[in-house]
Amino acid sequence: MSKFDLNDVLALEGEQEVSEQEYFQALQRAINEGQWSLQGSYGRTMMEAIQNGFCMLGEQPAKDYWGNRIPSRHEVLAGTKGSRQFVAAQCGEEWAAAIEGA
């Protein structure tokens, strides 16, 4: 797994042309590192990607900008939003593996 870095910010801001999968991998790295306190649009985008099955919750629990606890992917039931199984059901096993390895 790589770290969330400037290239990821550029990808998420649309400053760097990336594929759809690369975009969501950048978003997954932000989720994995608990970057929930970034500007509001990032947090909303991260949560929307989780709810739509493009990304999963991070390996560790995190806190958002307001101090609310965000569970890890291991704390939610298999197959529910935020779990690896939900991503695989929504986008396929290959996508889930690529996102999990982000």
N, C-alpha and C. Protein backbone atom coordinates (compact mmCIF):
# COMPACT_ATOMS: atom_id res chain seq x y z
N MET A 1 0.84 -1.19 0.00
CA MET A 1 0.00 0.00 0.00
C MET A 1 0.88 1.24 0.00
N SER A 2 0.50 2.20 -0.80
CA SER A 2 1.26 3.44 -0.83
C SER A 2 0.57 4.50 0.02
N LYS A 3 1.30 5.55 0.29
CA LYS A 3 0.81 6.65 1.11
C LYS A 3 0.05 7.66 0.25
N PHE A 4 -0.90 8.34 0.87
CA PHE A 4 -1.62 9.44 0.25
C PHE A 4 -0.61 10.57 0.07
N ASP A 5 -0.47 11.08 -1.17
CA ASP A 5 0.55 12.09 -1.43
C ASP A 5 0.03 13.17 -2.38
N LEU A 6 0.93 14.05 -2.79
CA LEU A 6 0.56 15.17 -3.65
C LEU A 6 -0.05 14.69 -4.97
N ASN A 7 0.46 13.61 -5.53
CA ASN A 7 -0.12 13.09 -6.77
C ASN A 7 -1.58 12.70 -6.57
N ASP A 8 -1.90 12.17 -5.39
CA ASP A 8 -3.29 11.82 -5.09
C ASP A 8 -4.15 13.07 -5.02
N VAL A 9 -3.64 14.11 -4.38
CA VAL A 9 -4.38 15.37 -4.29
C VAL A 9 -4.64 15.91 -5.70
N LEU A 10 -3.61 15.89 -6.55
CA LEU A 10 -3.77 16.38 -7.92
C LEU A 10 -4.81 15.55 -8.68
N ALA A 11 -4.80 14.24 -8.46
CA ALA A 11 -5.79 13.38 -9.12
C ALA A 11 -7.20 13.71 -8.64
N LEU A 12 -7.37 13.90 -7.35
CA LEU A 12 -8.69 14.17 -6.80
C LEU A 12 -9.20 15.56 -7.17
N GLU A 13 -8.27 16.49 -7.37
CA GLU A 13 -8.65 17.86 -7.75
C GLU A 13 -8.87 18.00 -9.25
N GLY A 14 -8.57 16.94 -10.02
CA GLY A 14 -8.72 17.00 -11.46
C GLY A 14 -7.57 17.68 -12.16
N GLU A 15 -6.49 17.92 -11.43
CA GLU A 15 -5.31 18.58 -11.99
C GLU A 15 -4.41 17.60 -12.74
N GLN A 16 -4.65 16.34 -12.55
CA GLN A 16 -3.85 15.30 -13.19
C GLN A 16 -4.82 14.29 -13.79
N GLU A 17 -4.63 13.95 -15.05
CA GLU A 17 -5.55 13.02 -15.71
C GLU A 17 -5.25 11.59 -15.25
N VAL A 18 -6.28 10.94 -14.72
CA VAL A 18 -6.14 9.56 -14.24
C VAL A 18 -7.37 8.77 -14.65
N SER A 19 -7.25 7.44 -14.63
CA SER A 19 -8.40 6.59 -14.92
C SER A 19 -9.36 6.61 -13.74
N GLU A 20 -10.54 6.09 -13.96
CA GLU A 20 -11.52 6.02 -12.88
C GLU A 20 -10.97 5.20 -11.71
N GLN A 21 -10.33 4.08 -12.02
CA GLN A 21 -9.78 3.24 -10.96
C GLN A 21 -8.66 3.96 -10.20
N GLU A 22 -7.80 4.68 -10.90
CA GLU A 22 -6.72 5.43 -10.24
C GLU A 22 -7.29 6.52 -9.34
N TYR A 23 -8.37 7.15 -9.77
CA TYR A 23 -9.04 8.17 -8.96
C TYR A 23 -9.52 7.56 -7.64
N PHE A 24 -10.22 6.42 -7.74
CA PHE A 24 -10.75 5.81 -6.52
C PHE A 24 -9.64 5.19 -5.67
N GLN A 25 -8.54 4.78 -6.26
CA GLN A 25 -7.41 4.30 -5.47
C GLN A 25 -6.81 5.46 -4.68
N ALA A 26 -6.72 6.64 -5.29
CA ALA A 26 -6.24 7.82 -4.57
C ALA A 26 -7.18 8.14 -3.41
N LEU A 27 -8.47 8.06 -3.66
CA LEU A 27 -9.46 8.30 -2.62
C LEU A 27 -9.34 7.26 -1.51
N GLN A 28 -9.11 6.01 -1.89
CA GLN A 28 -8.96 4.94 -0.89
C GLN A 28 -7.73 5.18 -0.02
N ARG A 29 -6.65 5.69 -0.61
CA ARG A 29 -5.46 5.99 0.20
C ARG A 29 -5.77 7.08 1.23
N ALA A 30 -6.58 8.07 0.85
CA ALA A 30 -6.99 9.11 1.80
C ALA A 30 -7.82 8.49 2.92
N ILE A 31 -8.72 7.59 2.57
CA ILE A 31 -9.55 6.90 3.57
C ILE A 31 -8.67 6.06 4.48
N ASN A 32 -7.74 5.30 3.89
CA ASN A 32 -6.87 4.43 4.68
C ASN A 32 -6.05 5.21 5.71
N GLU A 33 -5.67 6.43 5.37
CA GLU A 33 -4.85 7.24 6.27
C GLU A 33 -5.69 8.13 7.17
N GLY A 34 -7.00 7.98 7.11
CA GLY A 34 -7.87 8.75 8.00
C GLY A 34 -7.88 10.24 7.72
N GLN A 35 -7.80 10.60 6.46
CA GLN A 35 -7.75 12.02 6.07
C GLN A 35 -9.13 12.68 6.08
N TRP A 36 -9.93 12.37 7.08
CA TRP A 36 -11.29 12.87 7.15
C TRP A 36 -11.36 14.34 7.54
N SER A 37 -10.25 14.93 7.97
CA SER A 37 -10.28 16.34 8.36
C SER A 37 -9.85 17.26 7.23
N LEU A 38 -9.63 16.72 6.03
CA LEU A 38 -9.36 17.58 4.88
C LEU A 38 -10.61 18.42 4.59
N GLN A 39 -10.49 19.39 3.70
CA GLN A 39 -11.63 20.25 3.39
C GLN A 39 -12.89 19.41 3.17
N GLY A 40 -14.03 19.99 3.47
CA GLY A 40 -15.30 19.28 3.49
C GLY A 40 -15.63 18.45 2.27
N SER A 41 -15.28 18.94 1.08
CA SER A 41 -15.64 18.19 -0.12
C SER A 41 -14.93 16.83 -0.17
N TYR A 42 -13.74 16.74 0.40
CA TYR A 42 -13.04 15.45 0.42
C TYR A 42 -13.80 14.44 1.27
N GLY A 43 -14.18 14.84 2.46
CA GLY A 43 -14.91 13.93 3.35
C GLY A 43 -16.21 13.46 2.73
N ARG A 44 -16.94 14.38 2.12
CA ARG A 44 -18.20 14.01 1.46
C ARG A 44 -17.95 13.06 0.29
N THR A 45 -16.89 13.32 -0.47
CA THR A 45 -16.56 12.46 -1.61
C THR A 45 -16.13 11.08 -1.13
N MET A 46 -15.35 11.03 -0.06
CA MET A 46 -14.91 9.76 0.50
C MET A 46 -16.12 8.94 0.96
N MET A 47 -17.03 9.57 1.69
CA MET A 47 -18.20 8.87 2.19
C MET A 47 -19.11 8.42 1.05
N GLU A 48 -19.25 9.24 0.03
CA GLU A 48 -20.08 8.87 -1.12
C GLU A 48 -19.48 7.66 -1.85
N ALA A 49 -18.16 7.63 -1.97
CA ALA A 49 -17.50 6.49 -2.63
C ALA A 49 -17.70 5.21 -1.82
N ILE A 50 -17.70 5.31 -0.51
CA ILE A 50 -17.95 4.15 0.36
C ILE A 50 -19.40 3.69 0.20
N GLN A 51 -20.33 4.63 0.25
CA GLN A 51 -21.74 4.29 0.16
C GLN A 51 -22.11 3.68 -1.19
N ASN A 52 -21.40 4.07 -2.25
CA ASN A 52 -21.69 3.55 -3.58
C ASN A 52 -20.87 2.31 -3.93
N GLY A 53 -20.00 1.89 -3.03
CA GLY A 53 -19.24 0.66 -3.24
C GLY A 53 -17.99 0.79 -4.07
N PHE A 54 -17.53 2.02 -4.31
CA PHE A 54 -16.28 2.22 -5.05
C PHE A 54 -15.07 2.11 -4.13
N CYS A 55 -15.25 2.42 -2.86
CA CYS A 55 -14.18 2.35 -1.85
C CYS A 55 -14.71 1.66 -0.61
N MET A 56 -13.79 1.24 0.25
CA MET A 56 -14.15 0.61 1.51
C MET A 56 -13.60 1.45 2.66
N LEU A 57 -14.11 1.19 3.84
CA LEU A 57 -13.58 1.88 5.01
C LEU A 57 -12.10 1.53 5.17
N GLY A 58 -11.40 2.31 5.98
CA GLY A 58 -9.98 2.07 6.20
C GLY A 58 -9.72 0.85 7.06
N GLU A 59 -8.44 0.49 7.15
CA GLU A 59 -8.02 -0.64 7.98
C GLU A 59 -8.22 -0.35 9.47
N GLN A 60 -8.09 0.91 9.84
CA GLN A 60 -8.21 1.34 11.24
C GLN A 60 -9.37 2.33 11.37
N PRO A 61 -9.99 2.39 12.55
CA PRO A 61 -11.02 3.41 12.75
C PRO A 61 -10.39 4.81 12.67
N ALA A 62 -11.20 5.80 12.40
CA ALA A 62 -10.72 7.18 12.28
C ALA A 62 -11.75 8.12 12.91
N LYS A 63 -11.40 9.40 12.94
CA LYS A 63 -12.33 10.42 13.40
C LYS A 63 -12.47 11.46 12.30
N ASP A 64 -13.70 11.96 12.12
CA ASP A 64 -13.91 12.99 11.12
C ASP A 64 -13.60 14.36 11.70
N TYR A 65 -13.81 15.40 10.93
CA TYR A 65 -13.51 16.77 11.32
C TYR A 65 -14.18 17.16 12.65
N TRP A 66 -15.36 16.63 12.91
CA TRP A 66 -16.12 16.98 14.11
C TRP A 66 -15.86 16.02 15.27
N GLY A 67 -14.98 15.07 15.08
CA GLY A 67 -14.66 14.12 16.14
C GLY A 67 -15.51 12.88 16.17
N ASN A 68 -16.38 12.71 15.18
CA ASN A 68 -17.21 11.51 15.10
C ASN A 68 -16.33 10.32 14.71
N ARG A 69 -16.58 9.19 15.32
CA ARG A 69 -15.80 7.99 15.04
C ARG A 69 -16.29 7.31 13.77
N ILE A 70 -15.35 6.97 12.91
CA ILE A 70 -15.63 6.24 11.68
C ILE A 70 -15.04 4.85 11.86
N PRO A 71 -15.85 3.81 11.77
CA PRO A 71 -15.34 2.46 12.03
C PRO A 71 -14.38 1.99 10.93
N SER A 72 -13.64 0.94 11.22
CA SER A 72 -12.79 0.33 10.21
C SER A 72 -13.63 -0.64 9.39
N ARG A 73 -13.09 -1.10 8.28
CA ARG A 73 -13.80 -2.08 7.43
C ARG A 73 -13.99 -3.40 8.15
N HIS A 74 -13.19 -3.65 9.17
CA HIS A 74 -13.28 -4.90 9.92
C HIS A 74 -14.35 -4.85 11.02
N GLU A 75 -14.87 -3.67 11.28
CA GLU A 75 -15.89 -3.50 12.33
C GLU A 75 -17.31 -3.53 11.79
N VAL A 76 -17.47 -3.48 10.48
CA VAL A 76 -18.81 -3.53 9.91
C VAL A 76 -19.09 -4.96 9.45
N LEU A 77 -20.35 -5.30 9.37
CA LEU A 77 -20.72 -6.65 8.94
C LEU A 77 -20.33 -6.88 7.49
N ALA A 78 -19.85 -8.07 7.20
CA ALA A 78 -19.49 -8.45 5.83
C ALA A 78 -20.70 -8.22 4.93
N GLY A 79 -20.47 -7.59 3.80
CA GLY A 79 -21.54 -7.33 2.85
C GLY A 79 -22.25 -6.01 3.04
N THR A 80 -21.95 -5.31 4.13
CA THR A 80 -22.58 -4.01 4.34
C THR A 80 -21.67 -2.90 3.83
N LYS A 81 -22.23 -1.72 3.65
CA LYS A 81 -21.46 -0.58 3.14
C LYS A 81 -20.20 -0.39 3.98
N GLY A 82 -19.09 -0.20 3.28
CA GLY A 82 -17.81 -0.02 3.95
C GLY A 82 -16.97 -1.27 4.01
N SER A 83 -17.59 -2.42 3.79
CA SER A 83 -16.85 -3.69 3.84
C SER A 83 -16.26 -4.02 2.47
N ARG A 84 -15.24 -4.85 2.47
CA ARG A 84 -14.63 -5.31 1.22
C ARG A 84 -15.66 -6.08 0.39
N GLN A 85 -16.48 -6.88 1.06
CA GLN A 85 -17.47 -7.69 0.37
C GLN A 85 -18.49 -6.82 -0.37
N PHE A 86 -18.84 -5.67 0.22
CA PHE A 86 -19.79 -4.76 -0.44
C PHE A 86 -19.17 -4.20 -1.71
N VAL A 87 -17.89 -3.82 -1.65
CA VAL A 87 -17.20 -3.31 -2.84
C VAL A 87 -17.17 -4.38 -3.92
N ALA A 88 -16.84 -5.62 -3.55
CA ALA A 88 -16.79 -6.71 -4.52
C ALA A 88 -18.17 -6.96 -5.14
N ALA A 89 -19.23 -6.87 -4.34
CA ALA A 89 -20.59 -7.09 -4.87
C ALA A 89 -21.01 -5.97 -5.81
N GLN A 90 -20.58 -4.74 -5.53
CA GLN A 90 -20.97 -3.60 -6.35
C GLN A 90 -20.14 -3.46 -7.61
N CYS A 91 -18.82 -3.71 -7.49
CA CYS A 91 -17.90 -3.39 -8.59
C CYS A 91 -17.10 -4.58 -9.10
N GLY A 92 -17.23 -5.72 -8.45
CA GLY A 92 -16.49 -6.90 -8.89
C GLY A 92 -15.26 -7.18 -8.05
N GLU A 93 -14.84 -8.42 -8.07
CA GLU A 93 -13.70 -8.87 -7.27
C GLU A 93 -12.40 -8.19 -7.69
N GLU A 94 -12.21 -8.03 -8.99
CA GLU A 94 -10.98 -7.40 -9.49
C GLU A 94 -10.85 -5.97 -8.97
N TRP A 95 -11.97 -5.24 -9.01
CA TRP A 95 -11.98 -3.85 -8.50
C TRP A 95 -11.69 -3.86 -7.01
N ALA A 96 -12.34 -4.72 -6.26
CA ALA A 96 -12.15 -4.78 -4.81
C ALA A 96 -10.69 -5.05 -4.47
N ALA A 97 -10.06 -5.97 -5.20
CA ALA A 97 -8.65 -6.29 -4.96
C ALA A 97 -7.76 -5.08 -5.25
N ALA A 98 -8.06 -4.36 -6.33
CA ALA A 98 -7.26 -3.17 -6.67
C ALA A 98 -7.43 -2.07 -5.63
N ILE A 99 -8.64 -1.88 -5.15
CA ILE A 99 -8.90 -0.84 -4.15
C ILE A 99 -8.28 -1.25 -2.81
N GLU A 100 -8.41 -2.51 -2.46
CA GLU A 100 -7.84 -2.98 -1.19
C GLU A 100 -6.33 -2.81 -1.18
N GLY A 101 -5.68 -2.96 -2.32
CA GLY A 101 -4.24 -2.83 -2.41
C GLY A 101 -3.75 -1.41 -2.57
N ALA A 102 -4.68 -0.45 -2.62
CA ALA A 102 -4.28 0.97 -2.84
C ALA A 102 -3.42 1.49 -1.70
